[in-house]
Amino acid sequence: MSELKNKKSLVIYFSRADENYAVGYVDKGNTEYIAEYVRDFVNASLFKVEPLIPYSKEYNKCIIEAKERVGNAPIKNKINDISEYEVIYIMTPVYWGSYAPEMETAIKDLDFTGKIVRIVTTHEGSGLARVVEDIKKICVGAIFLDDSIAIKGTDCIKARSAIEKWI
């Protein structure tokens, strides 16, 4: 997809530090590494989706909170307009078989008409889960490339070359 490298791009991502499944306590979430790699390779703008109410630092409590937030996950800041971008990268950890609930809040009111959307998930065994199908329901009018990727959380820090190849 090297022809996409020169298009104006935006990475919308959710990433959580603290205790992560299979990696322990981290200062930076797994998905944030991937977002930064994409930014570096395509000179993209970054937008980090942050919950209005922080999740618990403990993984098991966090996933329960995430389940409770489905359909009602307020965020600190919102993007109102993506019209200047041609390619939108949507990146999320897999929570309960889909995206982090805050991702829906971040993207549901945006106009994706004609935008190229590429999806990345981070996970520890779920792969893409239902993330692609669920995001397609929200991003009406988008052009989805059939190249979504899933990266194991334990591999994110060392996934720079895999992202470069994907780009």
N, C-alpha and C. Protein backbone atom coordinates (compact mmCIF):
# COMPACT_ATOMS: atom_id res chain seq x y z
N MET A 1 0.82 -1.20 0.00
CA MET A 1 0.00 0.00 0.00
C MET A 1 0.86 1.26 0.00
N SER A 2 2.02 1.19 -0.60
CA SER A 2 2.93 2.33 -0.56
C SER A 2 2.32 3.58 -1.18
N GLU A 3 1.31 3.43 -2.05
CA GLU A 3 0.68 4.61 -2.64
C GLU A 3 -0.08 5.44 -1.60
N LEU A 4 -0.34 4.87 -0.44
CA LEU A 4 -1.04 5.59 0.62
C LEU A 4 -0.10 6.42 1.47
N LYS A 5 1.19 6.17 1.38
CA LYS A 5 2.16 6.85 2.25
C LYS A 5 2.14 8.37 2.11
N ASN A 6 1.81 8.88 0.94
CA ASN A 6 1.85 10.32 0.72
C ASN A 6 0.50 11.00 0.87
N LYS A 7 -0.50 10.25 1.26
CA LYS A 7 -1.82 10.84 1.49
C LYS A 7 -1.91 11.36 2.92
N LYS A 8 -2.63 12.45 3.10
CA LYS A 8 -2.77 13.03 4.43
C LYS A 8 -3.53 12.04 5.32
N SER A 9 -2.89 11.67 6.43
CA SER A 9 -3.41 10.58 7.26
C SER A 9 -3.60 11.00 8.71
N LEU A 10 -4.57 10.33 9.33
CA LEU A 10 -4.88 10.53 10.75
C LEU A 10 -4.97 9.16 11.41
N VAL A 11 -4.34 9.03 12.56
CA VAL A 11 -4.45 7.82 13.37
C VAL A 11 -5.34 8.15 14.56
N ILE A 12 -6.46 7.45 14.66
CA ILE A 12 -7.34 7.57 15.82
C ILE A 12 -7.14 6.29 16.61
N TYR A 13 -6.68 6.41 17.84
CA TYR A 13 -6.37 5.20 18.59
C TYR A 13 -6.74 5.31 20.06
N PHE A 14 -7.02 4.15 20.63
CA PHE A 14 -7.23 4.02 22.07
C PHE A 14 -6.12 3.11 22.58
N SER A 15 -5.51 3.52 23.67
CA SER A 15 -4.45 2.71 24.27
C SER A 15 -4.45 2.96 25.76
N ARG A 16 -4.23 1.92 26.52
CA ARG A 16 -4.27 2.03 27.97
C ARG A 16 -2.99 1.50 28.58
N ALA A 17 -2.38 2.30 29.43
CA ALA A 17 -1.19 1.87 30.17
C ALA A 17 -1.65 1.05 31.39
N ASP A 18 -0.86 1.02 32.41
CA ASP A 18 -1.14 0.28 33.64
C ASP A 18 -1.04 -1.22 33.40
N GLU A 19 -1.82 -2.04 34.10
CA GLU A 19 -1.69 -3.48 33.93
C GLU A 19 -2.39 -3.93 32.65
N ASN A 20 -1.64 -4.56 31.77
CA ASN A 20 -2.17 -5.10 30.52
C ASN A 20 -2.03 -6.61 30.56
N TYR A 21 -2.97 -7.28 29.92
CA TYR A 21 -2.97 -8.74 29.89
C TYR A 21 -1.67 -9.25 29.26
N ALA A 22 -1.03 -10.16 29.92
CA ALA A 22 0.17 -10.87 29.45
C ALA A 22 1.45 -10.02 29.39
N VAL A 23 1.35 -8.72 29.63
CA VAL A 23 2.58 -7.91 29.63
C VAL A 23 2.85 -7.26 30.98
N GLY A 24 1.90 -7.31 31.88
CA GLY A 24 2.09 -6.71 33.20
C GLY A 24 1.87 -5.21 33.16
N TYR A 25 2.46 -4.51 34.13
CA TYR A 25 2.29 -3.06 34.22
C TYR A 25 3.20 -2.35 33.23
N VAL A 26 2.61 -1.43 32.48
CA VAL A 26 3.36 -0.70 31.46
C VAL A 26 3.06 0.79 31.58
N ASP A 27 4.03 1.61 31.19
CA ASP A 27 3.86 3.05 31.21
C ASP A 27 3.13 3.57 29.97
N LYS A 28 3.18 2.77 28.91
CA LYS A 28 2.53 3.15 27.66
C LYS A 28 1.79 1.91 27.15
N GLY A 29 0.55 2.11 26.70
CA GLY A 29 -0.23 0.99 26.20
C GLY A 29 0.29 0.42 24.90
N ASN A 30 -0.03 -0.83 24.64
CA ASN A 30 0.44 -1.53 23.45
C ASN A 30 0.04 -0.83 22.15
N THR A 31 -1.20 -0.39 22.05
CA THR A 31 -1.69 0.22 20.82
C THR A 31 -0.97 1.54 20.53
N GLU A 32 -0.54 2.22 21.56
CA GLU A 32 0.17 3.49 21.35
C GLU A 32 1.49 3.28 20.60
N TYR A 33 2.17 2.19 20.87
CA TYR A 33 3.39 1.88 20.11
C TYR A 33 3.08 1.78 18.62
N ILE A 34 2.02 1.05 18.31
CA ILE A 34 1.65 0.84 16.90
C ILE A 34 1.25 2.17 16.26
N ALA A 35 0.50 2.98 16.97
CA ALA A 35 0.09 4.29 16.45
C ALA A 35 1.32 5.15 16.13
N GLU A 36 2.29 5.12 17.00
CA GLU A 36 3.51 5.92 16.78
C GLU A 36 4.31 5.39 15.60
N TYR A 37 4.34 4.07 15.40
CA TYR A 37 5.04 3.52 14.24
C TYR A 37 4.38 3.98 12.95
N VAL A 38 3.06 3.92 12.91
CA VAL A 38 2.34 4.38 11.71
C VAL A 38 2.61 5.85 11.48
N ARG A 39 2.53 6.64 12.54
CA ARG A 39 2.82 8.08 12.43
C ARG A 39 4.18 8.30 11.79
N ASP A 40 5.17 7.57 12.24
CA ASP A 40 6.53 7.73 11.73
C ASP A 40 6.64 7.36 10.26
N PHE A 41 5.94 6.32 9.83
CA PHE A 41 6.06 5.84 8.45
C PHE A 41 5.25 6.64 7.44
N VAL A 42 4.14 7.24 7.87
CA VAL A 42 3.30 7.98 6.90
C VAL A 42 3.13 9.45 7.27
N ASN A 43 3.85 9.90 8.29
CA ASN A 43 3.76 11.29 8.74
C ASN A 43 2.31 11.66 9.09
N ALA A 44 1.64 10.79 9.81
CA ALA A 44 0.24 10.98 10.17
C ALA A 44 0.10 11.86 11.41
N SER A 45 -1.06 12.46 11.53
CA SER A 45 -1.44 13.13 12.77
C SER A 45 -1.98 12.06 13.70
N LEU A 46 -1.79 12.26 15.01
CA LEU A 46 -2.29 11.31 15.99
C LEU A 46 -3.41 11.91 16.81
N PHE A 47 -4.43 11.11 17.07
CA PHE A 47 -5.47 11.51 18.02
C PHE A 47 -5.68 10.34 18.98
N LYS A 48 -5.31 10.56 20.23
CA LYS A 48 -5.47 9.53 21.25
C LYS A 48 -6.83 9.70 21.92
N VAL A 49 -7.63 8.67 21.86
CA VAL A 49 -8.95 8.66 22.49
C VAL A 49 -8.73 8.33 23.97
N GLU A 50 -9.17 9.25 24.84
CA GLU A 50 -8.97 9.05 26.26
C GLU A 50 -10.30 9.08 27.00
N PRO A 51 -10.52 8.11 27.87
CA PRO A 51 -11.79 8.08 28.60
C PRO A 51 -11.91 9.27 29.55
N LEU A 52 -13.12 9.77 29.67
CA LEU A 52 -13.38 10.86 30.60
C LEU A 52 -13.10 10.40 32.03
N ILE A 53 -13.51 9.17 32.32
CA ILE A 53 -13.25 8.57 33.63
C ILE A 53 -12.20 7.47 33.41
N PRO A 54 -11.01 7.64 33.97
CA PRO A 54 -9.95 6.65 33.74
C PRO A 54 -10.37 5.24 34.19
N TYR A 55 -9.84 4.27 33.49
CA TYR A 55 -10.05 2.88 33.89
C TYR A 55 -9.20 2.56 35.11
N SER A 56 -9.59 1.51 35.80
CA SER A 56 -8.78 1.00 36.90
C SER A 56 -7.39 0.63 36.38
N LYS A 57 -6.41 0.75 37.24
CA LYS A 57 -5.05 0.36 36.88
C LYS A 57 -4.92 -1.16 36.79
N GLU A 58 -5.81 -1.89 37.43
CA GLU A 58 -5.79 -3.34 37.45
C GLU A 58 -6.56 -3.90 36.24
N TYR A 59 -5.94 -4.82 35.53
CA TYR A 59 -6.52 -5.35 34.30
C TYR A 59 -7.91 -5.96 34.51
N ASN A 60 -8.06 -6.83 35.49
CA ASN A 60 -9.36 -7.51 35.68
C ASN A 60 -10.48 -6.54 36.01
N LYS A 61 -10.19 -5.49 36.75
CA LYS A 61 -11.21 -4.46 37.02
C LYS A 61 -11.49 -3.65 35.76
N CYS A 62 -10.43 -3.36 35.01
CA CYS A 62 -10.57 -2.58 33.78
C CYS A 62 -11.52 -3.25 32.79
N ILE A 63 -11.38 -4.55 32.59
CA ILE A 63 -12.24 -5.20 31.59
C ILE A 63 -13.70 -5.23 32.02
N ILE A 64 -13.94 -5.31 33.31
CA ILE A 64 -15.32 -5.23 33.81
C ILE A 64 -15.87 -3.83 33.55
N GLU A 65 -15.07 -2.81 33.83
CA GLU A 65 -15.49 -1.43 33.57
C GLU A 65 -15.77 -1.22 32.08
N ALA A 66 -14.93 -1.80 31.23
CA ALA A 66 -15.13 -1.65 29.78
C ALA A 66 -16.47 -2.25 29.35
N LYS A 67 -16.81 -3.39 29.89
CA LYS A 67 -18.09 -4.02 29.54
C LYS A 67 -19.26 -3.14 29.97
N GLU A 68 -19.12 -2.51 31.12
CA GLU A 68 -20.17 -1.62 31.63
C GLU A 68 -20.31 -0.34 30.80
N ARG A 69 -19.25 0.05 30.08
CA ARG A 69 -19.26 1.29 29.31
C ARG A 69 -19.76 1.14 27.87
N VAL A 70 -19.99 -0.08 27.43
CA VAL A 70 -20.46 -0.27 26.05
C VAL A 70 -21.72 0.55 25.83
N GLY A 71 -21.69 1.39 24.78
CA GLY A 71 -22.83 2.25 24.47
C GLY A 71 -22.86 3.56 25.23
N ASN A 72 -22.00 3.73 26.23
CA ASN A 72 -21.96 4.96 27.02
C ASN A 72 -20.56 5.15 27.59
N ALA A 73 -19.65 5.59 26.72
CA ALA A 73 -18.25 5.75 27.12
C ALA A 73 -17.78 7.16 26.78
N PRO A 74 -18.04 8.12 27.65
CA PRO A 74 -17.61 9.49 27.37
C PRO A 74 -16.09 9.62 27.29
N ILE A 75 -15.64 10.55 26.45
CA ILE A 75 -14.21 10.77 26.26
C ILE A 75 -13.85 12.21 26.59
N LYS A 76 -12.56 12.45 26.87
CA LYS A 76 -12.07 13.78 27.25
C LYS A 76 -12.21 14.78 26.11
N ASN A 77 -11.73 14.40 24.93
CA ASN A 77 -11.75 15.30 23.78
C ASN A 77 -12.30 14.54 22.58
N LYS A 78 -12.88 15.28 21.66
CA LYS A 78 -13.49 14.66 20.49
C LYS A 78 -12.98 15.33 19.23
N ILE A 79 -12.87 14.55 18.19
CA ILE A 79 -12.56 15.09 16.86
C ILE A 79 -13.89 15.48 16.24
N ASN A 80 -13.96 16.67 15.70
CA ASN A 80 -15.23 17.10 15.08
C ASN A 80 -15.21 17.03 13.57
N ASP A 81 -14.02 17.04 12.99
CA ASP A 81 -13.92 17.12 11.54
C ASP A 81 -12.69 16.38 11.04
N ILE A 82 -12.91 15.46 10.10
CA ILE A 82 -11.79 14.72 9.51
C ILE A 82 -11.68 15.00 8.01
N SER A 83 -12.33 16.07 7.57
CA SER A 83 -12.41 16.34 6.14
C SER A 83 -11.05 16.55 5.47
N GLU A 84 -10.05 17.00 6.20
CA GLU A 84 -8.74 17.26 5.59
C GLU A 84 -7.91 15.99 5.37
N TYR A 85 -8.37 14.87 5.90
CA TYR A 85 -7.61 13.62 5.81
C TYR A 85 -8.16 12.69 4.74
N GLU A 86 -7.26 11.97 4.08
CA GLU A 86 -7.66 10.99 3.07
C GLU A 86 -7.67 9.57 3.63
N VAL A 87 -6.75 9.30 4.54
CA VAL A 87 -6.63 7.96 5.12
C VAL A 87 -6.78 8.06 6.63
N ILE A 88 -7.65 7.22 7.18
CA ILE A 88 -7.87 7.18 8.62
C ILE A 88 -7.48 5.80 9.12
N TYR A 89 -6.55 5.76 10.05
CA TYR A 89 -6.15 4.52 10.70
C TYR A 89 -6.90 4.46 12.03
N ILE A 90 -7.63 3.39 12.25
CA ILE A 90 -8.36 3.21 13.51
C ILE A 90 -7.70 2.05 14.23
N MET A 91 -7.24 2.32 15.46
CA MET A 91 -6.48 1.33 16.22
C MET A 91 -7.05 1.18 17.62
N THR A 92 -7.23 -0.07 18.02
CA THR A 92 -7.83 -0.34 19.31
C THR A 92 -7.41 -1.70 19.86
N PRO A 93 -7.33 -1.80 21.18
CA PRO A 93 -7.22 -3.14 21.74
C PRO A 93 -8.57 -3.84 21.60
N VAL A 94 -8.57 -5.14 21.65
CA VAL A 94 -9.83 -5.89 21.61
C VAL A 94 -10.35 -6.00 23.04
N TYR A 95 -11.56 -5.48 23.24
CA TYR A 95 -12.25 -5.58 24.52
C TYR A 95 -13.55 -6.33 24.28
N TRP A 96 -13.73 -7.45 24.93
CA TRP A 96 -14.95 -8.23 24.83
C TRP A 96 -15.33 -8.54 23.39
N GLY A 97 -14.35 -8.82 22.57
CA GLY A 97 -14.59 -9.23 21.19
C GLY A 97 -14.76 -8.10 20.20
N SER A 98 -14.62 -6.86 20.66
CA SER A 98 -14.76 -5.71 19.75
C SER A 98 -13.79 -4.61 20.17
N TYR A 99 -14.07 -3.40 19.73
CA TYR A 99 -13.21 -2.25 20.04
C TYR A 99 -13.45 -1.75 21.46
N ALA A 100 -12.50 -0.96 21.95
CA ALA A 100 -12.69 -0.29 23.24
C ALA A 100 -13.92 0.62 23.12
N PRO A 101 -14.82 0.63 24.11
CA PRO A 101 -16.06 1.40 23.99
C PRO A 101 -15.85 2.87 23.63
N GLU A 102 -14.76 3.46 24.07
CA GLU A 102 -14.48 4.87 23.78
C GLU A 102 -14.26 5.13 22.30
N MET A 103 -13.86 4.12 21.56
CA MET A 103 -13.66 4.30 20.11
C MET A 103 -14.98 4.67 19.43
N GLU A 104 -16.05 4.01 19.83
CA GLU A 104 -17.35 4.34 19.23
C GLU A 104 -17.71 5.80 19.49
N THR A 105 -17.51 6.25 20.70
CA THR A 105 -17.79 7.65 21.04
C THR A 105 -16.96 8.58 20.16
N ALA A 106 -15.72 8.22 19.92
CA ALA A 106 -14.80 9.08 19.15
C ALA A 106 -15.16 9.16 17.67
N ILE A 107 -15.67 8.08 17.09
CA ILE A 107 -15.84 8.06 15.63
C ILE A 107 -17.29 8.10 15.14
N LYS A 108 -18.26 7.90 16.02
CA LYS A 108 -19.64 7.70 15.57
C LYS A 108 -20.27 8.89 14.85
N ASP A 109 -19.85 10.09 15.11
CA ASP A 109 -20.46 11.26 14.47
C ASP A 109 -19.62 11.86 13.35
N LEU A 110 -18.55 11.18 12.97
CA LEU A 110 -17.68 11.70 11.92
C LEU A 110 -18.18 11.30 10.54
N ASP A 111 -17.87 12.13 9.55
CA ASP A 111 -18.25 11.84 8.16
C ASP A 111 -17.10 11.10 7.48
N PHE A 112 -17.28 9.80 7.30
CA PHE A 112 -16.26 8.96 6.69
C PHE A 112 -16.45 8.79 5.18
N THR A 113 -17.36 9.51 4.59
CA THR A 113 -17.64 9.36 3.17
C THR A 113 -16.37 9.55 2.35
N GLY A 114 -16.01 8.51 1.59
CA GLY A 114 -14.85 8.56 0.71
C GLY A 114 -13.50 8.42 1.40
N LYS A 115 -13.48 8.28 2.71
CA LYS A 115 -12.21 8.13 3.44
C LYS A 115 -11.74 6.68 3.34
N ILE A 116 -10.45 6.49 3.19
CA ILE A 116 -9.86 5.16 3.23
C ILE A 116 -9.60 4.83 4.69
N VAL A 117 -10.14 3.70 5.15
CA VAL A 117 -9.99 3.32 6.54
C VAL A 117 -9.18 2.02 6.62
N ARG A 118 -8.19 2.05 7.50
CA ARG A 118 -7.37 0.86 7.78
C ARG A 118 -7.45 0.60 9.28
N ILE A 119 -7.58 -0.66 9.65
CA ILE A 119 -7.82 -1.02 11.05
C ILE A 119 -6.69 -1.89 11.59
N VAL A 120 -6.31 -1.58 12.84
CA VAL A 120 -5.33 -2.38 13.56
C VAL A 120 -5.90 -2.71 14.94
N THR A 121 -5.77 -3.98 15.34
CA THR A 121 -6.12 -4.33 16.71
C THR A 121 -4.86 -4.83 17.43
N THR A 122 -4.87 -4.64 18.74
CA THR A 122 -3.88 -5.29 19.58
C THR A 122 -4.66 -6.25 20.48
N HIS A 123 -4.05 -7.39 20.79
CA HIS A 123 -4.79 -8.45 21.46
C HIS A 123 -3.82 -9.45 22.07
N GLU A 124 -4.35 -10.42 22.76
CA GLU A 124 -3.54 -11.53 23.26
C GLU A 124 -4.18 -12.86 22.90
N GLY A 125 -4.80 -12.92 21.74
CA GLY A 125 -5.39 -14.17 21.27
C GLY A 125 -6.68 -13.96 20.51
N SER A 126 -7.23 -12.76 20.53
CA SER A 126 -8.51 -12.49 19.88
C SER A 126 -8.39 -12.14 18.40
N GLY A 127 -7.18 -11.83 17.95
CA GLY A 127 -7.01 -11.41 16.56
C GLY A 127 -7.79 -10.14 16.28
N LEU A 128 -8.49 -10.12 15.16
CA LEU A 128 -9.32 -8.95 14.82
C LEU A 128 -10.68 -9.01 15.50
N ALA A 129 -11.05 -10.21 16.01
CA ALA A 129 -12.36 -10.42 16.64
C ALA A 129 -13.47 -9.85 15.72
N ARG A 130 -14.39 -9.06 16.28
CA ARG A 130 -15.47 -8.44 15.49
C ARG A 130 -15.17 -6.97 15.17
N VAL A 131 -13.96 -6.54 15.45
CA VAL A 131 -13.63 -5.12 15.34
C VAL A 131 -13.92 -4.57 13.94
N VAL A 132 -13.46 -5.25 12.91
CA VAL A 132 -13.65 -4.73 11.54
C VAL A 132 -15.14 -4.60 11.22
N GLU A 133 -15.90 -5.65 11.47
CA GLU A 133 -17.34 -5.59 11.17
C GLU A 133 -18.04 -4.49 11.97
N ASP A 134 -17.67 -4.37 13.24
CA ASP A 134 -18.32 -3.36 14.08
C ASP A 134 -17.95 -1.94 13.66
N ILE A 135 -16.71 -1.72 13.27
CA ILE A 135 -16.31 -0.39 12.82
C ILE A 135 -16.96 -0.06 11.48
N LYS A 136 -17.10 -1.04 10.61
CA LYS A 136 -17.77 -0.80 9.32
C LYS A 136 -19.20 -0.30 9.52
N LYS A 137 -19.87 -0.74 10.56
CA LYS A 137 -21.24 -0.30 10.84
C LYS A 137 -21.29 1.18 11.21
N ILE A 138 -20.21 1.68 11.81
CA ILE A 138 -20.17 3.08 12.26
C ILE A 138 -19.67 4.01 11.15
N CYS A 139 -18.68 3.58 10.41
CA CYS A 139 -18.01 4.44 9.43
C CYS A 139 -18.68 4.33 8.06
N VAL A 140 -19.91 4.77 8.01
CA VAL A 140 -20.70 4.69 6.79
C VAL A 140 -20.07 5.54 5.69
N GLY A 141 -19.95 4.95 4.50
CA GLY A 141 -19.39 5.68 3.35
C GLY A 141 -17.89 5.56 3.21
N ALA A 142 -17.24 4.89 4.17
CA ALA A 142 -15.78 4.73 4.11
C ALA A 142 -15.41 3.65 3.10
N ILE A 143 -14.17 3.73 2.65
CA ILE A 143 -13.59 2.71 1.79
C ILE A 143 -12.67 1.89 2.68
N PHE A 144 -13.04 0.65 2.92
CA PHE A 144 -12.24 -0.21 3.80
C PHE A 144 -11.32 -1.07 2.96
N LEU A 145 -10.04 -0.99 3.27
CA LEU A 145 -9.09 -1.87 2.60
C LEU A 145 -9.15 -3.23 3.30
N ASP A 146 -8.96 -4.26 2.54
CA ASP A 146 -9.03 -5.61 3.08
C ASP A 146 -7.66 -6.03 3.60
N ASP A 147 -7.09 -5.21 4.47
CA ASP A 147 -5.75 -5.49 4.97
C ASP A 147 -5.60 -5.22 6.46
N SER A 148 -6.71 -5.29 7.19
CA SER A 148 -6.66 -5.05 8.63
C SER A 148 -5.69 -6.05 9.27
N ILE A 149 -5.00 -5.60 10.30
CA ILE A 149 -4.05 -6.48 10.97
C ILE A 149 -4.28 -6.52 12.47
N ALA A 150 -3.87 -7.62 13.06
CA ALA A 150 -3.96 -7.82 14.50
C ALA A 150 -2.56 -8.14 15.01
N ILE A 151 -2.15 -7.43 16.05
CA ILE A 151 -0.81 -7.62 16.60
C ILE A 151 -0.94 -7.99 18.08
N LYS A 152 -0.31 -9.07 18.46
CA LYS A 152 -0.34 -9.48 19.86
C LYS A 152 0.29 -8.39 20.72
N GLY A 153 -0.36 -8.10 21.84
CA GLY A 153 0.15 -7.09 22.74
C GLY A 153 1.58 -7.33 23.16
N THR A 154 1.94 -8.58 23.38
CA THR A 154 3.31 -8.90 23.78
C THR A 154 4.32 -8.65 22.67
N ASP A 155 3.83 -8.46 21.43
CA ASP A 155 4.72 -8.19 20.29
C ASP A 155 4.75 -6.72 19.86
N CYS A 156 3.93 -5.88 20.46
CA CYS A 156 3.79 -4.50 19.99
C CYS A 156 5.09 -3.70 20.02
N ILE A 157 5.83 -3.80 21.09
CA ILE A 157 7.06 -3.01 21.20
C ILE A 157 8.02 -3.34 20.07
N LYS A 158 8.05 -4.58 19.64
CA LYS A 158 8.98 -5.00 18.59
C LYS A 158 8.31 -5.15 17.22
N ALA A 159 7.15 -4.53 17.03
CA ALA A 159 6.39 -4.70 15.78
C ALA A 159 6.68 -3.62 14.73
N ARG A 160 7.67 -2.79 14.96
CA ARG A 160 7.97 -1.69 14.03
C ARG A 160 8.17 -2.19 12.59
N SER A 161 8.94 -3.24 12.41
CA SER A 161 9.19 -3.73 11.04
C SER A 161 7.93 -4.34 10.43
N ALA A 162 7.09 -4.99 11.24
CA ALA A 162 5.83 -5.53 10.72
C ALA A 162 4.91 -4.40 10.26
N ILE A 163 4.89 -3.31 10.99
CA ILE A 163 4.08 -2.15 10.60
C ILE A 163 4.65 -1.52 9.32
N GLU A 164 5.96 -1.41 9.25
CA GLU A 164 6.56 -0.85 8.04
C GLU A 164 6.20 -1.68 6.81
N LYS A 165 6.22 -2.98 6.95
CA LYS A 165 5.86 -3.86 5.83
C LYS A 165 4.37 -3.69 5.47
N TRP A 166 3.51 -3.59 6.48
CA TRP A 166 2.07 -3.40 6.27
C TRP A 166 1.79 -2.08 5.58
N ILE A 167 2.50 -1.04 5.96
CA ILE A 167 2.30 0.29 5.37
C ILE A 167 2.63 0.21 3.90
